Amino acid sequence: MNIFVIWLVMVIAWNFGYPQASPAADVIVAVILALFNIVLKKYLKF
């Protein structure tokens, strides 16, 4: 599975789970999730 797809699913889940979040929070969470995916990529050898 492509690491981008994992990140995209998590961002979509965040946006639907917290629709009242500010745009700044959306950007911060997207960056955090991207960093999390980098860690996943390192340990899972995608």
Protein backbone atom coordinates (compact mmCIF):
# COMPACT_ATOMS: atom_id res chain seq x y z
CA MET A 1 0.00 0.00 0.00
CA ASN A 2 1.26 3.42 -0.88
CA ILE A 3 2.24 5.59 2.10
CA PHE A 4 0.42 8.54 0.52
CA VAL A 5 -2.86 6.63 0.66
CA ILE A 6 -2.41 6.03 4.39
CA TRP A 7 -1.74 9.74 4.94
CA LEU A 8 -4.72 10.73 2.79
CA VAL A 9 -7.10 8.42 4.68
CA MET A 10 -5.91 9.82 8.03
CA VAL A 11 -6.33 13.43 6.84
CA ILE A 12 -9.83 12.68 5.54
CA ALA A 13 -10.70 10.99 8.85
CA TRP A 14 -9.47 14.08 10.71
CA ASN A 15 -11.50 16.44 8.52
CA PHE A 16 -14.71 14.43 8.89
CA GLY A 17 -14.11 13.71 12.58
CA TYR A 18 -13.47 17.34 13.52
CA PRO A 19 -15.32 19.54 11.01
CA GLN A 20 -15.31 22.49 13.42
CA ALA A 21 -11.48 22.62 13.47
CA SER A 22 -9.88 25.81 12.24
CA PRO A 23 -7.87 25.84 9.00
CA ALA A 24 -4.68 26.30 11.03
CA ALA A 25 -5.47 23.15 13.02
CA ASP A 26 -6.08 21.29 9.76
CA VAL A 27 -2.64 22.28 8.48
CA ILE A 28 -0.93 21.38 11.75
CA VAL A 29 -2.58 17.97 11.88
CA ALA A 30 -1.73 17.30 8.21
CA VAL A 31 1.93 18.07 8.93
CA ILE A 32 1.93 15.87 12.04
CA LEU A 33 0.35 13.04 10.08
CA ALA A 34 2.95 13.48 7.33
CA LEU A 35 5.73 13.18 9.91
CA PHE A 36 4.01 10.08 11.32
CA ASN A 37 3.97 8.58 7.84
CA ILE A 38 7.69 9.26 7.44
CA VAL A 39 8.26 7.26 10.61
CA LEU A 40 5.99 4.49 9.28
CA LYS A 41 7.89 4.44 6.02
CA LYS A 42 11.19 4.11 7.87
CA TYR A 43 10.06 1.22 10.08
CA LEU A 44 7.76 -0.64 7.67
CA LYS A 45 10.10 -0.34 4.64
CA PHE A 46 7.49 0.93 2.14
